[in-house]
Amino acid sequence: MGAFGEGLAMLAAAGGPDIHPHALDDSATRARWERNVANVGADVARVQQFFFDVLDERAPVDSLQEQGMSFFGVQVVYGRVAHGDDG
């Protein structure tokens, strides 16, 4: 659940809510951010359903990690880009 704070960290790193979090990034990165922000309602519903499925033991145990990690999308770690399901 701690990953939900990442959006606030992005805004803080950008300098505040009036500065685009990817103002210094390339246009593809900004476009991906805009696309993901536009889908936040549906994405939150998917995460919620995943948690309900886990709690109700409806989620297949052998795919829990894969399902959970799919919510992270594109991650940049030490200059390398790793893709989740939106890559």
PDB file of N, CA and C in Angstrom:
ATOM      1  N   MET A   1       0.818  -1.190   0.000  1.00  0.00           N
ATOM      2  CA  MET A   1       0.000   0.000   0.000  1.00  0.00           C
ATOM      3  C   MET A   1       0.862   1.254   0.000  1.00  0.00           C
ATOM      4  N   GLY A   2       2.097   1.152   0.399  1.00  0.00           N
ATOM      5  CA  GLY A   2       2.960   2.325   0.472  1.00  0.00           C
ATOM      6  C   GLY A   2       3.257   2.956  -0.866  1.00  0.00           C
ATOM      7  N   ALA A   3       3.089   2.225  -1.953  1.00  0.00           N
ATOM      8  CA  ALA A   3       3.401   2.757  -3.277  1.00  0.00           C
ATOM      9  C   ALA A   3       2.476   3.899  -3.676  1.00  0.00           C
ATOM     10  N   PHE A   4       1.348   4.050  -3.012  1.00  0.00           N
ATOM     11  CA  PHE A   4       0.420   5.119  -3.364  1.00  0.00           C
ATOM     12  C   PHE A   4       1.000   6.497  -3.050  1.00  0.00           C
ATOM     13  N   GLY A   5       1.995   6.567  -2.200  1.00  0.00           N
ATOM     14  CA  GLY A   5       2.645   7.834  -1.891  1.00  0.00           C
ATOM     15  C   GLY A   5       3.580   8.303  -2.976  1.00  0.00           C
ATOM     16  N   GLU A   6       3.842   7.468  -3.956  1.00  0.00           N
ATOM     17  CA  GLU A   6       4.787   7.832  -5.012  1.00  0.00           C
ATOM     18  C   GLU A   6       4.316   9.044  -5.814  1.00  0.00           C
ATOM     19  N   GLY A   7       3.019   9.172  -6.017  1.00  0.00           N
ATOM     20  CA  GLY A   7       2.493  10.331  -6.742  1.00  0.00           C
ATOM     21  C   GLY A   7       2.812  11.628  -6.021  1.00  0.00           C
ATOM     22  N   LEU A   8       2.679  11.619  -4.696  1.00  0.00           N
ATOM     23  CA  LEU A   8       3.033  12.803  -3.911  1.00  0.00           C
ATOM     24  C   LEU A   8       4.531  13.077  -3.991  1.00  0.00           C
ATOM     25  N   ALA A   9       5.320  12.026  -3.982  1.00  0.00           N
ATOM     26  CA  ALA A   9       6.770  12.200  -4.103  1.00  0.00           C
ATOM     27  C   ALA A   9       7.134  12.794  -5.459  1.00  0.00           C
ATOM     28  N   MET A  10       6.426  12.382  -6.507  1.00  0.00           N
ATOM     29  CA  MET A  10       6.661  12.947  -7.840  1.00  0.00           C
ATOM     30  C   MET A  10       6.377  14.443  -7.847  1.00  0.00           C
ATOM     31  N   LEU A  11       5.277  14.844  -7.239  1.00  0.00           N
ATOM     32  CA  LEU A  11       4.938  16.269  -7.184  1.00  0.00           C
ATOM     33  C   LEU A  11       5.961  17.051  -6.367  1.00  0.00           C
ATOM     34  N   ALA A  12       6.398  16.480  -5.263  1.00  0.00           N
ATOM     35  CA  ALA A  12       7.397  17.151  -4.436  1.00  0.00           C
ATOM     36  C   ALA A  12       8.713  17.299  -5.189  1.00  0.00           C
ATOM     37  N   ALA A  13       9.117  16.256  -5.890  1.00  0.00           N
ATOM     38  CA  ALA A  13      10.374  16.306  -6.653  1.00  0.00           C
ATOM     39  C   ALA A  13      10.295  17.311  -7.796  1.00  0.00           C
ATOM     40  N   ALA A  14       9.107  17.482  -8.349  1.00  0.00           N
ATOM     41  CA  ALA A  14       8.932  18.433  -9.453  1.00  0.00           C
ATOM     42  C   ALA A  14       8.993  19.869  -8.958  1.00  0.00           C
ATOM     43  N   GLY A  15       8.729  20.075  -7.680  1.00  0.00           N
ATOM     44  CA  GLY A  15       8.753  21.425  -7.137  1.00  0.00           C
ATOM     45  C   GLY A  15       7.389  21.924  -6.706  1.00  0.00           C
ATOM     46  N   GLY A  16       6.365  21.101  -6.844  1.00  0.00           N
ATOM     47  CA  GLY A  16       5.024  21.491  -6.413  1.00  0.00           C
ATOM     48  C   GLY A  16       3.972  21.079  -7.415  1.00  0.00           C
ATOM     49  N   PRO A  17       2.712  21.276  -7.063  1.00  0.00           N
ATOM     50  CA  PRO A  17       1.612  20.819  -7.918  1.00  0.00           C
ATOM     51  C   PRO A  17       1.432  21.632  -9.203  1.00  0.00           C
ATOM     52  N   ASP A  18       2.071  22.794  -9.294  1.00  0.00           N
ATOM     53  CA  ASP A  18       1.933  23.620 -10.494  1.00  0.00           C
ATOM     54  C   ASP A  18       2.971  23.303 -11.571  1.00  0.00           C
ATOM     55  N   ILE A  19       3.860  22.379 -11.282  1.00  0.00           N
ATOM     56  CA  ILE A  19       4.908  21.986 -12.234  1.00  0.00           C
ATOM     57  C   ILE A  19       4.663  20.534 -12.637  1.00  0.00           C
ATOM     58  N   HIS A  20       4.650  20.269 -13.930  1.00  0.00           N
ATOM     59  CA  HIS A  20       4.412  18.897 -14.408  1.00  0.00           C
ATOM     60  C   HIS A  20       5.504  17.981 -13.863  1.00  0.00           C
ATOM     61  N   PRO A  21       5.126  16.817 -13.300  1.00  0.00           N
ATOM     62  CA  PRO A  21       6.108  15.900 -12.719  1.00  0.00           C
ATOM     63  C   PRO A  21       7.174  15.430 -13.718  1.00  0.00           C
ATOM     64  N   HIS A  22       6.864  15.500 -15.004  1.00  0.00           N
ATOM     65  CA  HIS A  22       7.823  15.064 -16.017  1.00  0.00           C
ATOM     66  C   HIS A  22       8.200  16.212 -16.946  1.00  0.00           C
ATOM     67  N   ALA A  23       8.217  17.416 -16.407  1.00  0.00           N
ATOM     68  CA  ALA A  23       8.516  18.608 -17.216  1.00  0.00           C
ATOM     69  C   ALA A  23       9.871  18.507 -17.925  1.00  0.00           C
ATOM     70  N   LEU A  24      10.824  17.848 -17.312  1.00  0.00           N
ATOM     71  CA  LEU A  24      12.170  17.748 -17.895  1.00  0.00           C
ATOM     72  C   LEU A  24      12.395  16.466 -18.679  1.00  0.00           C
ATOM     73  N   ASP A  25      11.381  15.620 -18.756  1.00  0.00           N
ATOM     74  CA  ASP A  25      11.511  14.354 -19.476  1.00  0.00           C
ATOM     75  C   ASP A  25      11.088  14.511 -20.930  1.00  0.00           C
ATOM     76  N   ASP A  26      11.317  13.460 -21.706  1.00  0.00           N
ATOM     77  CA  ASP A  26      10.949  13.495 -23.124  1.00  0.00           C
ATOM     78  C   ASP A  26       9.435  13.424 -23.301  1.00  0.00           C
ATOM     79  N   SER A  27       8.981  13.710 -24.504  1.00  0.00           N
ATOM     80  CA  SER A  27       7.544  13.770 -24.767  1.00  0.00           C
ATOM     81  C   SER A  27       6.858  12.421 -24.581  1.00  0.00           C
ATOM     82  N   ALA A  28       7.546  11.324 -24.854  1.00  0.00           N
ATOM     83  CA  ALA A  28       6.948   9.996 -24.673  1.00  0.00           C
ATOM     84  C   ALA A  28       6.667   9.726 -23.199  1.00  0.00           C
ATOM     85  N   THR A  29       7.586  10.138 -22.332  1.00  0.00           N
ATOM     86  CA  THR A  29       7.402   9.944 -20.892  1.00  0.00           C
ATOM     87  C   THR A  29       6.253  10.806 -20.383  1.00  0.00           C
ATOM     88  N   ARG A  30       6.184  12.053 -20.840  1.00  0.00           N
ATOM     89  CA  ARG A  30       5.072  12.926 -20.435  1.00  0.00           C
ATOM     90  C   ARG A  30       3.743  12.369 -20.933  1.00  0.00           C
ATOM     91  N   ALA A  31       3.715  11.862 -22.160  1.00  0.00           N
ATOM     92  CA  ALA A  31       2.482  11.296 -22.717  1.00  0.00           C
ATOM     93  C   ALA A  31       2.043  10.070 -21.924  1.00  0.00           C
ATOM     94  N   ARG A  32       2.992   9.222 -21.528  1.00  0.00           N
ATOM     95  CA  ARG A  32       2.652   8.032 -20.727  1.00  0.00           C
ATOM     96  C   ARG A  32       2.060   8.465 -19.395  1.00  0.00           C
ATOM     97  N   TRP A  33       2.652   9.496 -18.759  1.00  0.00           N
ATOM     98  CA  TRP A  33       2.132  10.014 -17.485  1.00  0.00           C
ATOM     99  C   TRP A  33       0.697  10.497 -17.667  1.00  0.00           C
ATOM    100  N   GLU A  34       0.451  11.291 -18.704  1.00  0.00           N
ATOM    101  CA  GLU A  34      -0.889  11.832 -18.952  1.00  0.00           C
ATOM    102  C   GLU A  34      -1.894  10.712 -19.196  1.00  0.00           C
ATOM    103  N   ARG A  35      -1.482   9.706 -19.960  1.00  0.00           N
ATOM    104  CA  ARG A  35      -2.360   8.557 -20.237  1.00  0.00           C
ATOM    105  C   ARG A  35      -2.683   7.807 -18.941  1.00  0.00           C
ATOM    106  N   ASN A  36      -1.662   7.607 -18.099  1.00  0.00           N
ATOM    107  CA  ASN A  36      -1.879   6.884 -16.842  1.00  0.00           C
ATOM    108  C   ASN A  36      -2.751   7.684 -15.878  1.00  0.00           C
ATOM    109  N   VAL A  37      -2.533   8.991 -15.806  1.00  0.00           N
ATOM    110  CA  VAL A  37      -3.348   9.834 -14.927  1.00  0.00           C
ATOM    111  C   VAL A  37      -4.811   9.815 -15.375  1.00  0.00           C
ATOM    112  N   ALA A  38      -5.029   9.808 -16.667  1.00  0.00           N
ATOM    113  CA  ALA A  38      -6.397   9.777 -17.192  1.00  0.00           C
ATOM    114  C   ALA A  38      -7.114   8.476 -16.829  1.00  0.00           C
ATOM    115  N   ASN A  39      -6.354   7.420 -16.560  1.00  0.00           N
ATOM    116  CA  ASN A  39      -6.930   6.110 -16.246  1.00  0.00           C
ATOM    117  C   ASN A  39      -6.947   5.793 -14.753  1.00  0.00           C
ATOM    118  N   VAL A  40      -6.679   6.786 -13.919  1.00  0.00           N
ATOM    119  CA  VAL A  40      -6.518   6.511 -12.493  1.00  0.00           C
ATOM    120  C   VAL A  40      -7.764   5.877 -11.873  1.00  0.00           C
ATOM    121  N   GLY A  41      -8.942   6.284 -12.266  1.00  0.00           N
ATOM    122  CA  GLY A  41     -10.159   5.702 -11.699  1.00  0.00           C
ATOM    123  C   GLY A  41     -10.259   4.214 -11.969  1.00  0.00           C
ATOM    124  N   ALA A  42     -10.036   3.828 -13.216  1.00  0.00           N
ATOM    125  CA  ALA A  42     -10.091   2.411 -13.586  1.00  0.00           C
ATOM    126  C   ALA A  42      -8.945   1.632 -12.934  1.00  0.00           C
ATOM    127  N   ASP A  43      -7.776   2.266 -12.835  1.00  0.00           N
ATOM    128  CA  ASP A  43      -6.629   1.589 -12.230  1.00  0.00           C
ATOM    129  C   ASP A  43      -6.847   1.337 -10.743  1.00  0.00           C
ATOM    130  N   VAL A  44      -7.413   2.313 -10.045  1.00  0.00           N
ATOM    131  CA  VAL A  44      -7.699   2.129  -8.620  1.00  0.00           C
ATOM    132  C   VAL A  44      -8.722   1.009  -8.438  1.00  0.00           C
ATOM    133  N   ALA A  45      -9.696   0.945  -9.312  1.00  0.00           N
ATOM    134  CA  ALA A  45     -10.696  -0.132  -9.239  1.00  0.00           C
ATOM    135  C   ALA A  45     -10.039  -1.496  -9.446  1.00  0.00           C
ATOM    136  N   ARG A  46      -9.061  -1.581 -10.386  1.00  0.00           N
ATOM    137  CA  ARG A  46      -8.343  -2.849 -10.612  1.00  0.00           C
ATOM    138  C   ARG A  46      -7.545  -3.254  -9.378  1.00  0.00           C
ATOM    139  N   VAL A  47      -6.865  -2.292  -8.749  1.00  0.00           N
ATOM    140  CA  VAL A  47      -6.081  -2.582  -7.546  1.00  0.00           C
ATOM    141  C   VAL A  47      -7.022  -3.033  -6.418  1.00  0.00           C
ATOM    142  N   GLN A  48      -8.131  -2.323  -6.265  1.00  0.00           N
ATOM    143  CA  GLN A  48      -9.094  -2.686  -5.229  1.00  0.00           C
ATOM    144  C   GLN A  48      -9.612  -4.104  -5.441  1.00  0.00           C
ATOM    145  N   GLN A  49      -9.957  -4.438  -6.677  1.00  0.00           N
ATOM    146  CA  GLN A  49     -10.459  -5.778  -6.956  1.00  0.00           C
ATOM    147  C   GLN A  49      -9.392  -6.829  -6.672  1.00  0.00           C
ATOM    148  N   PHE A  50      -8.142  -6.530  -6.999  1.00  0.00           N
ATOM    149  CA  PHE A  50      -7.034  -7.446  -6.709  1.00  0.00           C
ATOM    150  C   PHE A  50      -6.961  -7.709  -5.202  1.00  0.00           C
ATOM    151  N   PHE A  51      -7.010  -6.643  -4.386  1.00  0.00           N
ATOM    152  CA  PHE A  51      -6.946  -6.826  -2.934  1.00  0.00           C
ATOM    153  C   PHE A  51      -8.142  -7.625  -2.421  1.00  0.00           C
ATOM    154  N   PHE A  52      -9.329  -7.340  -2.932  1.00  0.00           N
ATOM    155  CA  PHE A  52     -10.511  -8.118  -2.523  1.00  0.00           C
ATOM    156  C   PHE A  52     -10.335  -9.591  -2.885  1.00  0.00           C
ATOM    157  N   ASP A  53      -9.823  -9.851  -4.093  1.00  0.00           N
ATOM    158  CA  ASP A  53      -9.604 -11.238  -4.525  1.00  0.00           C
ATOM    159  C   ASP A  53      -8.597 -11.945  -3.636  1.00  0.00           C
ATOM    160  N   VAL A  54      -7.540 -11.234  -3.245  1.00  0.00           N
ATOM    161  CA  VAL A  54      -6.540 -11.831  -2.350  1.00  0.00           C
ATOM    162  C   VAL A  54      -7.171 -12.125  -0.992  1.00  0.00           C
ATOM    163  N   LEU A  55      -7.863 -11.150  -0.440  1.00  0.00           N
ATOM    164  CA  LEU A  55      -8.468 -11.333   0.886  1.00  0.00           C
ATOM    165  C   LEU A  55      -9.523 -12.426   0.903  1.00  0.00           C
ATOM    166  N   ASP A  56     -10.266 -12.541  -0.196  1.00  0.00           N
ATOM    167  CA  ASP A  56     -11.307 -13.562  -0.289  1.00  0.00           C
ATOM    168  C   ASP A  56     -10.779 -14.889  -0.826  1.00  0.00           C
ATOM    169  N   GLU A  57      -9.459 -14.962  -1.011  1.00  0.00           N
ATOM    170  CA  GLU A  57      -8.771 -16.159  -1.507  1.00  0.00           C
ATOM    171  C   GLU A  57      -9.304 -16.615  -2.861  1.00  0.00           C
ATOM    172  N   ARG A  58      -9.673 -15.648  -3.715  1.00  0.00           N
ATOM    173  CA  ARG A  58     -10.123 -15.956  -5.072  1.00  0.00           C
ATOM    174  C   ARG A  58      -8.990 -15.859  -6.086  1.00  0.00           C
ATOM    175  N   ALA A  59      -7.915 -15.183  -5.718  1.00  0.00           N
ATOM    176  CA  ALA A  59      -6.789 -14.997  -6.647  1.00  0.00           C
ATOM    177  C   ALA A  59      -5.928 -16.252  -6.659  1.00  0.00           C
ATOM    178  N   PRO A  60      -5.538 -16.718  -7.847  1.00  0.00           N
ATOM    179  CA  PRO A  60      -4.656 -17.891  -7.916  1.00  0.00           C
ATOM    180  C   PRO A  60      -3.311 -17.580  -7.243  1.00  0.00           C
ATOM    181  N   VAL A  61      -2.953 -18.365  -6.244  1.00  0.00           N
ATOM    182  CA  VAL A  61      -1.750 -18.121  -5.455  1.00  0.00           C
ATOM    183  C   VAL A  61      -0.496 -18.088  -6.317  1.00  0.00           C
ATOM    184  N   ASP A  62      -0.432 -18.929  -7.348  1.00  0.00           N
ATOM    185  CA  ASP A  62       0.781 -19.006  -8.160  1.00  0.00           C
ATOM    186  C   ASP A  62       0.985 -17.772  -9.043  1.00  0.00           C
ATOM    187  N   SER A  63      -0.017 -16.886  -9.141  1.00  0.00           N
ATOM    188  CA  SER A  63       0.150 -15.694  -9.969  1.00  0.00           C
ATOM    189  C   SER A  63       0.033 -14.389  -9.182  1.00  0.00           C
ATOM    190  N   LEU A  64      -0.004 -14.474  -7.852  1.00  0.00           N
ATOM    191  CA  LEU A  64      -0.169 -13.273  -7.041  1.00  0.00           C
ATOM    192  C   LEU A  64       0.943 -12.253  -7.270  1.00  0.00           C
ATOM    193  N   GLN A  65       2.185 -12.696  -7.274  1.00  0.00           N
ATOM    194  CA  GLN A  65       3.291 -11.759  -7.451  1.00  0.00           C
ATOM    195  C   GLN A  65       3.219 -11.093  -8.820  1.00  0.00           C
ATOM    196  N   GLU A  66       2.986 -11.876  -9.855  1.00  0.00           N
ATOM    197  CA  GLU A  66       2.896 -11.323 -11.204  1.00  0.00           C
ATOM    198  C   GLU A  66       1.761 -10.303 -11.297  1.00  0.00           C
ATOM    199  N   GLN A  67       0.610 -10.648 -10.734  1.00  0.00           N
ATOM    200  CA  GLN A  67      -0.522  -9.727 -10.750  1.00  0.00           C
ATOM    201  C   GLN A  67      -0.202  -8.447  -9.984  1.00  0.00           C
ATOM    202  N   GLY A  68       0.355  -8.596  -8.809  1.00  0.00           N
ATOM    203  CA  GLY A  68       0.689  -7.432  -7.985  1.00  0.00           C
ATOM    204  C   GLY A  68       1.713  -6.524  -8.644  1.00  0.00           C
ATOM    205  N   MET A  69       2.736  -7.103  -9.233  1.00  0.00           N
ATOM    206  CA  MET A  69       3.783  -6.299  -9.871  1.00  0.00           C
ATOM    207  C   MET A  69       3.285  -5.602 -11.125  1.00  0.00           C
ATOM    208  N   SER A  70       2.221  -6.102 -11.738  1.00  0.00           N
ATOM    209  CA  SER A  70       1.709  -5.473 -12.959  1.00  0.00           C
ATOM    210  C   SER A  70       1.187  -4.064 -12.700  1.00  0.00           C
ATOM    211  N   PHE A  71       0.889  -3.740 -11.450  1.00  0.00           N
ATOM    212  CA  PHE A  71       0.365  -2.415 -11.135  1.00  0.00           C
ATOM    213  C   PHE A  71       1.446  -1.334 -11.123  1.00  0.00           C
ATOM    214  N   PHE A  72       2.702  -1.730 -11.114  1.00  0.00           N
ATOM    215  CA  PHE A  72       3.777  -0.747 -11.026  1.00  0.00           C
ATOM    216  C   PHE A  72       4.114  -0.089 -12.351  1.00  0.00           C
ATOM    217  N   GLY A  73       3.746  -0.680 -13.464  1.00  0.00           N
ATOM    218  CA  GLY A  73       4.010  -0.063 -14.761  1.00  0.00           C
ATOM    219  C   GLY A  73       5.488   0.125 -15.022  1.00  0.00           C
ATOM    220  N   VAL A  74       5.836   1.221 -15.655  1.00  0.00           N
ATOM    221  CA  VAL A  74       7.228   1.505 -16.017  1.00  0.00           C
ATOM    222  C   VAL A  74       7.948   2.076 -14.805  1.00  0.00           C
ATOM    223  N   GLN A  75       9.096   1.524 -14.510  1.00  0.00           N
ATOM    224  CA  GLN A  75       9.923   1.994 -13.409  1.00  0.00           C
ATOM    225  C   GLN A  75      11.323   2.286 -13.938  1.00  0.00           C
ATOM    226  N   VAL A  76      11.888   3.396 -13.544  1.00  0.00           N
ATOM    227  CA  VAL A  76      13.260   3.721 -13.917  1.00  0.00           C
ATOM    228  C   VAL A  76      14.119   3.516 -12.680  1.00  0.00           C
ATOM    229  N   VAL A  77      15.082   2.606 -12.800  1.00  0.00           N
ATOM    230  CA  VAL A  77      15.958   2.283 -11.685  1.00  0.00           C
ATOM    231  C   VAL A  77      17.390   2.458 -12.160  1.00  0.00           C
ATOM    232  N   TYR A  78      18.081   3.405 -11.551  1.00  0.00           N
ATOM    233  CA  TYR A  78      19.479   3.665 -11.894  1.00  0.00           C
ATOM    234  C   TYR A  78      19.673   3.850 -13.388  1.00  0.00           C
ATOM    235  N   GLY A  79      18.773   4.625 -14.002  1.00  0.00           N
ATOM    236  CA  GLY A  79      18.902   4.941 -15.415  1.00  0.00           C
ATOM    237  C   GLY A  79      18.388   3.880 -16.371  1.00  0.00           C
ATOM    238  N   ARG A  80      17.966   2.733 -15.872  1.00  0.00           N
ATOM    239  CA  ARG A  80      17.407   1.675 -16.725  1.00  0.00           C
ATOM    240  C   ARG A  80      15.894   1.684 -16.595  1.00  0.00           C
ATOM    241  N   VAL A  81      15.220   1.407 -17.672  1.00  0.00           N
ATOM    242  CA  VAL A  81      13.758   1.358 -17.657  1.00  0.00           C
ATOM    243  C   VAL A  81      13.310  -0.094 -17.604  1.00  0.00           C
ATOM    244  N   ALA A  82      12.494  -0.400 -16.622  1.00  0.00           N
ATOM    245  CA  ALA A  82      11.890  -1.730 -16.507  1.00  0.00           C
ATOM    246  C   ALA A  82      10.399  -1.565 -16.696  1.00  0.00           C
ATOM    247  N   HIS A  83       9.782  -2.465 -17.456  1.00  0.00           N
ATOM    248  CA  HIS A  83       8.374  -2.323 -17.806  1.00  0.00           C
ATOM    249  C   HIS A  83       7.498  -3.293 -17.038  1.00  0.00           C
ATOM    250  N   GLY A  84       6.336  -2.790 -16.616  1.00  0.00           N
ATOM    251  CA  GLY A  84       5.271  -3.623 -16.077  1.00  0.00           C
ATOM    252  C   GLY A  84       4.358  -3.933 -17.253  1.00  0.00           C
ATOM    253  N   ASP A  85       3.068  -3.809 -17.072  1.00  0.00           N
ATOM    254  CA  ASP A  85       2.151  -4.167 -18.145  1.00  0.00           C
ATOM    255  C   ASP A  85       1.794  -3.004 -19.067  1.00  0.00           C
ATOM    256  N   ASP A  86       2.346  -1.807 -18.850  1.00  0.00           N
ATOM    257  CA  ASP A  86       2.028  -0.693 -19.750  1.00  0.00           C
ATOM    258  C   ASP A  86       3.215  -0.286 -20.608  1.00  0.00           C
ATOM    259  N   GLY A  87       4.237  -1.144 -20.675  1.00  0.00           N
ATOM    260  CA  GLY A  87       5.477  -0.818 -21.347  1.00  0.00           C
ATOM    261  C   GLY A  87       5.471  -0.998 -22.796  1.00  0.00           C
TER     262      GLY A  87
END
